[in-house]
Protein backbone atom coordinates (compact mmCIF):
# COMPACT_ATOMS: atom_id res chain seq x y z
CA MET A 1 -0.33 -0.11 -0.12
CA GLY A 2 1.55 3.53 -0.70
CA ALA A 3 2.26 6.36 1.82
CA ALA A 4 -0.26 8.06 3.11
CA HIS A 5 -0.67 12.17 2.30
CA ASN A 6 -0.56 13.93 5.13
CA ASP A 7 -2.87 17.31 4.73
CA ASP A 8 0.48 19.43 6.15
CA ASP A 9 2.69 18.39 3.12
CA PRO A 10 3.25 22.24 1.63
CA SER A 11 3.72 20.60 -1.46
CA LEU A 12 0.56 19.28 -2.22
CA LYS A 13 -0.43 22.30 -0.35
CA ALA A 14 1.13 24.23 -3.17
CA GLU A 15 -0.33 22.36 -5.74
CA MET A 16 -4.18 22.42 -4.18
CA ALA A 17 -3.29 26.31 -4.14
CA LYS A 18 -2.13 26.42 -7.44
CA ALA A 19 -5.34 24.09 -9.20
CA LEU A 20 -7.05 26.28 -7.25
CA LYS A 21 -5.89 30.06 -8.40
CA GLN A 22 -5.95 28.37 -12.41
CA ALA A 23 -9.97 26.81 -11.19
CA LEU A 24 -10.42 30.46 -9.69
CA ASN A 25 -8.91 32.11 -12.88
CA PHE A 26 -10.93 30.04 -15.09
CA SER A 27 -14.32 30.41 -13.73
CA GLN A 28 -13.01 34.72 -13.96
CA ASP A 29 -12.47 34.63 -17.76
CA THR A 30 -15.33 31.85 -18.79
CA ALA A 31 -17.36 35.28 -16.59
CA VAL A 32 -15.90 38.12 -18.56
CA ASN A 33 -16.43 35.84 -21.67
CA ILE A 34 -19.77 35.16 -20.90
CA ALA A 35 -20.27 38.93 -20.04
CA ARG A 36 -19.64 39.67 -23.44
CA ILE A 37 -21.07 37.02 -25.20
CA ASP A 38 -24.36 38.72 -22.75
CA GLU A 39 -23.79 41.85 -24.44
CA ARG A 40 -23.40 40.72 -28.22
CA VAL A 41 -26.38 38.59 -27.98
CA ALA A 42 -28.52 41.94 -26.58
CA THR A 43 -26.72 43.52 -29.01
CA LEU A 44 -27.32 41.20 -32.11
CA LYS A 45 -30.59 41.06 -30.48
CA SER A 46 -31.29 44.58 -30.29
CA SER A 47 -30.08 44.92 -34.07
CA MET A 48 -33.00 41.56 -34.85
CA GLU A 49 -35.66 43.62 -33.79
CA GLY A 50 -34.58 46.91 -35.38
CA LEU A 51 -34.25 44.94 -37.94
CA SER A 52 -37.26 43.11 -37.90
CA LYS A 53 -39.70 46.58 -37.07
CA LEU A 54 -38.48 47.52 -40.42
CA LEU A 55 -39.41 44.36 -42.47
CA PHE A 56 -42.42 44.09 -40.91
CA VAL A 57 -43.46 47.83 -40.32
CA GLY A 58 -41.49 49.85 -42.41
CA ASN A 59 -39.51 53.49 -40.33
CA GLY A 60 -41.96 56.14 -41.95
CA LYS A 61 -42.66 54.43 -45.46
CA PRO A 62 -44.17 51.21 -45.89
CA SER A 63 -42.69 48.40 -44.65
CA LEU A 64 -39.87 46.68 -46.90
CA VAL A 65 -41.96 43.59 -47.25
CA THR A 66 -45.02 45.77 -48.56
CA GLN A 67 -42.45 47.29 -50.84
CA LEU A 68 -41.77 43.85 -52.40
CA ALA A 69 -45.01 43.23 -53.13
CA GLU A 70 -45.59 45.98 -53.90
CA LEU A 71 -42.59 45.90 -56.69
CA GLY A 72 -44.26 42.33 -57.26
CA GLN A 73 -46.90 43.60 -58.71
CA THR A 74 -46.06 46.29 -60.24
CA MET A 75 -43.38 43.79 -62.40
CA LEU A 76 -46.72 41.46 -63.01
CA MET A 77 -48.75 44.55 -64.79
CA LEU A 78 -45.01 45.36 -66.67
CA GLN A 79 -45.13 41.30 -67.85
CA GLY A 80 -49.12 41.78 -69.23
CA GLU A 81 -48.26 45.54 -70.59
CA ILE A 82 -44.76 43.65 -72.34
CA SER A 83 -46.86 41.24 -73.23
CA SER A 84 -49.56 43.18 -74.88
CA LEU A 85 -46.78 45.28 -76.56
CA THR A 86 -45.22 42.08 -78.19
CA GLN A 87 -48.78 40.86 -79.59
CA GLY A 88 -49.47 44.54 -81.06
CA MET A 89 -45.62 44.70 -82.28
CA GLY A 90 -47.13 41.50 -83.89
CA SER A 91 -50.19 43.11 -84.94
CA LEU A 92 -48.62 46.22 -86.31
CA ARG A 93 -45.37 43.93 -88.08
CA SER A 94 -48.91 41.83 -89.86
CA SER A 95 -51.12 45.45 -90.90
CA ILE A 96 -47.00 46.53 -92.65
CA VAL A 97 -46.88 43.60 -94.64
CA GLN A 98 -50.53 43.40 -95.29
CA ILE A 99 -50.23 47.52 -96.47
CA GLU A 100 -47.18 46.72 -98.76
CA ARG A 101 -48.58 43.63 -100.41
CA ASP A 102 -51.85 46.20 -101.41
CA GLY A 103 -49.39 48.93 -102.71
CA LYS A 104 -47.59 46.74 -104.66
CA GLU A 105 -50.68 45.22 -106.37
CA MET A 106 -52.59 48.61 -105.91
CA GLU A 107 -49.21 49.51 -107.85
CA LYS A 108 -50.09 46.97 -111.07
CA ILE A 109 -53.54 48.43 -110.29
CA ARG A 110 -52.45 51.72 -111.38
CA GLN A 111 -49.69 50.55 -113.85
CA SER A 112 -52.78 48.64 -115.66
CA ASN A 113 -55.05 51.49 -115.61
CA ARG A 114 -52.75 54.11 -117.10
CA THR A 115 -52.28 51.22 -119.78
CA SER A 116 -56.33 51.27 -120.31
CA ILE A 117 -55.67 55.11 -120.14
CA LYS A 118 -54.06 55.03 -122.80
CA VAL A 119 -55.08 52.64 -124.62
CA ALA A 120 -58.80 54.21 -124.55
CA ILE A 121 -56.45 57.24 -124.95
CA ILE A 122 -55.02 56.28 -128.78
CA SER A 123 -58.43 54.49 -129.85
CA ALA A 124 -60.44 57.91 -128.69
CA ALA A 125 -57.38 59.81 -131.22
CA SER A 126 -58.02 57.59 -133.30
CA SER A 127 -61.79 57.33 -133.37
CA ILE A 128 -61.76 61.23 -133.74
CA LEU A 129 -58.81 61.13 -136.76
CA VAL A 130 -61.90 58.61 -138.30
CA SER A 131 -64.39 60.76 -138.10
CA ILE A 132 -62.21 63.62 -139.69
CA ILE A 133 -61.13 61.88 -142.22
CA GLY A 134 -64.56 60.39 -143.53
CA GLY A 135 -65.94 63.38 -142.51
CA LEU A 136 -63.99 65.35 -144.82
CA ALA A 137 -64.39 62.00 -147.01
CA LEU A 138 -67.98 62.66 -148.15
CA TYR A 139 -67.69 66.36 -147.73
CA TYR A 140 -65.73 66.23 -150.31
CA ALA A 141 -67.20 63.87 -152.04
CA ARG A 142 -70.36 66.80 -151.80
CA HIS A 143 -68.19 69.07 -152.91
CA PRO A 144 -65.99 68.53 -155.48
CA ASN A 145 -64.33 71.44 -156.20
């Protein structure tokens, strides 16, 4: 069996004092760290409460949640308007293509009308000329001199 320890042993007392001092220092360090953590938690809690208020209540303006909801509605409305504009552009393109086709067709009709008018003028002039020649021939036939 081992030797019995004496409570009056100076090395044992020194070790116990050293261990007690370390435990006390550790306890004090832990208390300081806990106090720092408590301060930080209080600061974070305050910040979170401020952010929560800003998000859900607002700060003189509508809350961020409300503003985001309004932006979402505005975006949906703009998407609808863009869709309508896109459809309108498609209709406009179709109309422009049809107008171009109609313009080409009208040009063909104008060209045809010009040709018809020219033929009509030539025919009328020829008829007038034939009538004049016929009238002159009849006149000279009745008045030989």
